[in-house]
C-alpha atoms as a PDB file:
ATOM      1  CA  UNK A   1     -24.470 169.030 -11.361  1.00  0.00           C
ATOM      2  CA  UNK A   2     -27.898 168.061 -12.624  1.00  0.00           C
ATOM      3  CA  UNK A   3     -29.785 165.402 -10.674  1.00  0.00           C
ATOM      4  CA  UNK A   4     -29.723 163.192 -13.776  1.00  0.00           C
ATOM      5  CA  UNK A   5     -26.080 162.428 -12.973  1.00  0.00           C
ATOM      6  CA  UNK A   6     -27.049 160.535  -9.849  1.00  0.00           C
ATOM      7  CA  UNK A   7     -29.929 158.226  -9.025  1.00  0.00           C
ATOM      8  CA  UNK A   8     -31.201 155.504  -6.713  1.00  0.00           C
ATOM      9  CA  UNK A   9     -32.045 152.102  -8.206  1.00  0.00           C
ATOM     10  CA  UNK A  10     -33.055 148.679  -6.837  1.00  0.00           C
ATOM     11  CA  UNK A  11     -35.046 150.274  -4.024  1.00  0.00           C
ATOM     12  CA  UNK A  12     -37.713 152.934  -3.582  1.00  0.00           C
ATOM     13  CA  UNK A  13     -38.098 156.694  -3.851  1.00  0.00           C
ATOM     14  CA  UNK A  14     -35.874 157.390  -0.814  1.00  0.00           C
ATOM     15  CA  UNK A  15     -33.577 154.365  -0.734  1.00  0.00           C
ATOM     16  CA  UNK A  16     -31.612 152.165  -3.102  1.00  0.00           C
ATOM     17  CA  UNK A  17     -28.288 151.590  -4.806  1.00  0.00           C
ATOM     18  CA  UNK A  18     -26.512 154.888  -5.461  1.00  0.00           C
ATOM     19  CA  UNK A  19     -25.490 155.266  -9.095  1.00  0.00           C
ATOM     20  CA  UNK A  20     -23.601 158.117 -10.722  1.00  0.00           C
ATOM     21  CA  UNK A  21     -22.257 159.011 -14.140  1.00  0.00           C
ATOM     22  CA  UNK A  22     -19.505 161.477 -15.042  1.00  0.00           C
ATOM     23  CA  UNK A  23     -21.522 163.106 -17.831  1.00  0.00           C
ATOM     24  CA  UNK A  24     -24.877 162.857 -19.529  1.00  0.00           C
ATOM     25  CA  UNK A  25     -23.197 160.898 -22.318  1.00  0.00           C
ATOM     26  CA  UNK A  26     -21.633 158.136 -20.205  1.00  0.00           C
ATOM     27  CA  UNK A  27     -23.165 155.011 -18.744  1.00  0.00           C
ATOM     28  CA  UNK A  28     -24.386 154.756 -15.190  1.00  0.00           C
ATOM     29  CA  UNK A  29     -22.088 153.161 -12.640  1.00  0.00           C
ATOM     30  CA  UNK A  30     -22.018 152.404  -8.944  1.00  0.00           C
ATOM     31  CA  UNK A  31     -20.273 153.791  -5.870  1.00  0.00           C
ATOM     32  CA  UNK A  32     -18.146 151.395  -3.818  1.00  0.00           C
ATOM     33  CA  UNK A  33     -18.887 151.000  -0.114  1.00  0.00           C
ATOM     34  CA  UNK A  34     -15.161 151.013   0.715  1.00  0.00           C
ATOM     35  CA  UNK A  35     -14.606 153.975   3.056  1.00  0.00           C
ATOM     36  CA  UNK A  36     -18.214 155.171   2.663  1.00  0.00           C
ATOM     37  CA  UNK A  37     -19.665 156.905   5.722  1.00  0.00           C
ATOM     38  CA  UNK A  38     -22.550 158.928   7.120  1.00  0.00           C
ATOM     39  CA  UNK A  39     -21.339 162.243   5.684  1.00  0.00           C
ATOM     40  CA  UNK A  40     -21.073 160.653   2.226  1.00  0.00           C
ATOM     41  CA  UNK A  41     -24.661 159.383   2.478  1.00  0.00           C
ATOM     42  CA  UNK A  42     -25.855 162.781   3.704  1.00  0.00           C
ATOM     43  CA  UNK A  43     -24.276 164.580   0.733  1.00  0.00           C
ATOM     44  CA  UNK A  44     -25.698 162.018  -1.709  1.00  0.00           C
ATOM     45  CA  UNK A  45     -29.205 162.406  -0.268  1.00  0.00           C
ATOM     46  CA  UNK A  46     -28.928 166.211  -0.403  1.00  0.00           C
ATOM     47  CA  UNK A  47     -27.805 166.027  -4.048  1.00  0.00           C
ATOM     48  CA  UNK A  48     -30.819 163.844  -4.844  1.00  0.00           C
ATOM     49  CA  UNK A  49     -33.143 166.397  -3.250  1.00  0.00           C
ATOM     50  CA  UNK A  50     -34.066 163.987  -0.465  1.00  0.00           C
ATOM     51  CA  UNK A  51     -34.047 164.341   3.352  1.00  0.00           C
ATOM     52  CA  UNK A  52     -30.484 164.140   4.658  1.00  0.00           C
ATOM     53  CA  UNK A  53     -30.709 164.831   8.404  1.00  0.00           C
ATOM     54  CA  UNK A  54     -30.975 161.088   9.068  1.00  0.00           C
ATOM     55  CA  UNK A  55     -29.362 158.659   6.651  1.00  0.00           C
ATOM     56  CA  UNK A  56     -28.400 155.006   6.459  1.00  0.00           C
ATOM     57  CA  UNK A  57     -26.040 152.997   4.300  1.00  0.00           C
ATOM     58  CA  UNK A  58     -24.789 149.456   3.749  1.00  0.00           C
ATOM     59  CA  UNK A  59     -23.286 147.251   1.068  1.00  0.00           C
ATOM     60  CA  UNK A  60     -25.658 145.728  -1.470  1.00  0.00           C
ATOM     61  CA  UNK A  61     -26.927 142.225  -0.864  1.00  0.00           C
ATOM     62  CA  UNK A  62     -27.523 139.529  -3.460  1.00  0.00           C
ATOM     63  CA  UNK A  63     -30.104 140.769  -5.928  1.00  0.00           C
ATOM     64  CA  UNK A  64     -29.381 144.445  -5.213  1.00  0.00           C
ATOM     65  CA  UNK A  65     -25.888 144.679  -6.710  1.00  0.00           C
ATOM     66  CA  UNK A  66     -25.329 145.923 -10.239  1.00  0.00           C
ATOM     67  CA  UNK A  67     -24.502 143.557 -13.083  1.00  0.00           C
ATOM     68  CA  UNK A  68     -20.893 142.421 -13.257  1.00  0.00           C
ATOM     69  CA  UNK A  69     -20.475 144.289 -16.565  1.00  0.00           C
ATOM     70  CA  UNK A  70     -21.578 147.629 -15.058  1.00  0.00           C
ATOM     71  CA  UNK A  71     -19.033 150.321 -14.228  1.00  0.00           C
ATOM     72  CA  UNK A  72     -17.923 151.285 -10.747  1.00  0.00           C
ATOM     73  CA  UNK A  73     -17.215 155.016 -10.958  1.00  0.00           C
ATOM     74  CA  UNK A  74     -16.293 155.978  -7.371  1.00  0.00           C
ATOM     75  CA  UNK A  75     -14.575 154.477  -4.355  1.00  0.00           C
ATOM     76  CA  UNK A  76     -13.114 155.867  -1.129  1.00  0.00           C
ATOM     77  CA  UNK A  77     -15.613 158.737  -1.113  1.00  0.00           C
ATOM     78  CA  UNK A  78     -14.651 161.240   1.586  1.00  0.00           C
ATOM     79  CA  UNK A  79     -17.215 164.018   1.979  1.00  0.00           C
ATOM     80  CA  UNK A  80     -16.979 166.678   4.674  1.00  0.00           C
ATOM     81  CA  UNK A  81     -20.751 167.101   4.735  1.00  0.00           C
ATOM     82  CA  UNK A  82     -20.737 170.608   3.228  1.00  0.00           C
ATOM     83  CA  UNK A  83     -20.584 169.595  -0.441  1.00  0.00           C
ATOM     84  CA  UNK A  84     -23.643 169.859  -2.686  1.00  0.00           C
ATOM     85  CA  UNK A  85     -22.960 166.577  -4.498  1.00  0.00           C
ATOM     86  CA  UNK A  86     -20.730 163.482  -4.178  1.00  0.00           C
ATOM     87  CA  UNK A  87     -18.735 164.536  -7.250  1.00  0.00           C
ATOM     88  CA  UNK A  88     -17.401 167.504  -5.244  1.00  0.00           C
ATOM     89  CA  UNK A  89     -16.071 165.248  -2.467  1.00  0.00           C
ATOM     90  CA  UNK A  90     -12.722 163.552  -2.499  1.00  0.00           C
ATOM     91  CA  UNK A  91     -12.848 160.125  -4.154  1.00  0.00           C
ATOM     92  CA  UNK A  92     -10.851 157.705  -6.230  1.00  0.00           C
ATOM     93  CA  UNK A  93     -11.885 156.694  -9.725  1.00  0.00           C
ATOM     94  CA  UNK A  94      -9.148 154.052  -9.853  1.00  0.00           C
ATOM     95  CA  UNK A  95     -11.068 150.911  -9.001  1.00  0.00           C
ATOM     96  CA  UNK A  96      -9.299 147.683  -8.121  1.00  0.00           C
ATOM     97  CA  UNK A  97     -11.251 144.445  -8.406  1.00  0.00           C
ATOM     98  CA  UNK A  98      -9.348 143.320  -5.295  1.00  0.00           C
ATOM     99  CA  UNK A  99     -10.896 146.037  -3.130  1.00  0.00           C
ATOM    100  CA  UNK A 100     -14.201 146.774  -4.808  1.00  0.00           C
ATOM    101  CA  UNK A 101     -16.603 144.594  -6.743  1.00  0.00           C
ATOM    102  CA  UNK A 102     -20.345 144.907  -7.158  1.00  0.00           C
ATOM    103  CA  UNK A 103     -20.901 143.075  -3.864  1.00  0.00           C
ATOM    104  CA  UNK A 104     -19.524 146.335  -2.425  1.00  0.00           C
ATOM    105  CA  UNK A 105     -22.034 148.605  -4.198  1.00  0.00           C
ATOM    106  CA  UNK A 106     -23.366 151.152  -1.728  1.00  0.00           C
ATOM    107  CA  UNK A 107     -27.037 151.229  -0.775  1.00  0.00           C
ATOM    108  CA  UNK A 108     -28.310 154.388   0.925  1.00  0.00           C
ATOM    109  CA  UNK A 109     -31.469 155.487   2.690  1.00  0.00           C
ATOM    110  CA  UNK A 110     -32.507 159.139   2.939  1.00  0.00           C
ATOM    111  CA  UNK A 111     -34.661 160.149   5.896  1.00  0.00           C
ATOM    112  CA  UNK A 112     -34.181 156.973   7.931  1.00  0.00           C
ATOM    113  CA  UNK A 113     -31.168 155.253   9.479  1.00  0.00           C
ATOM    114  CA  UNK A 114     -31.845 151.806   8.039  1.00  0.00           C
ATOM    115  CA  UNK A 115     -31.781 150.716   4.409  1.00  0.00           C
ATOM    116  CA  UNK A 116     -34.615 148.296   3.649  1.00  0.00           C
ATOM    117  CA  UNK A 117     -33.657 145.043   1.976  1.00  0.00           C
ATOM    118  CA  UNK A 118     -35.118 143.810  -1.261  1.00  0.00           C
ATOM    119  CA  UNK A 119     -36.142 140.567   0.420  1.00  0.00           C
ATOM    120  CA  UNK A 120     -39.700 139.957   1.502  1.00  0.00           C
ATOM    121  CA  UNK A 121     -40.586 137.613   4.338  1.00  0.00           C
ATOM    122  CA  UNK A 122     -43.812 135.956   5.330  1.00  0.00           C
ATOM    123  CA  UNK A 123     -45.023 133.649   8.059  1.00  0.00           C
ATOM    124  CA  UNK A 124     -46.738 130.480   6.888  1.00  0.00           C
END
């Protein structure tokens, strides 16, 4: 699938909130962190054309999550690590608000094992 069906937002060029869309004519939506693992992050990074030998992932923090009105397109992603994109992995598109809300949006990092936060700190 074309790279325009997946993207990273609320981060940088190699890290951020993973968003996908089923077709070029549908809205962007998020991927739930429920059941998300290292192989899932590796496949997502590969599909984005980014380094995938070392990856990191975590749930979005306040300020990183998508808007409450945004779609959640995937949950329970289960990649084997050999797929070329997350859409080719097993996943559920039946999203329950009891198990996945935008506080569970997945953040990934490609090329490093930690996902930077959007918070900045300073010593005064």
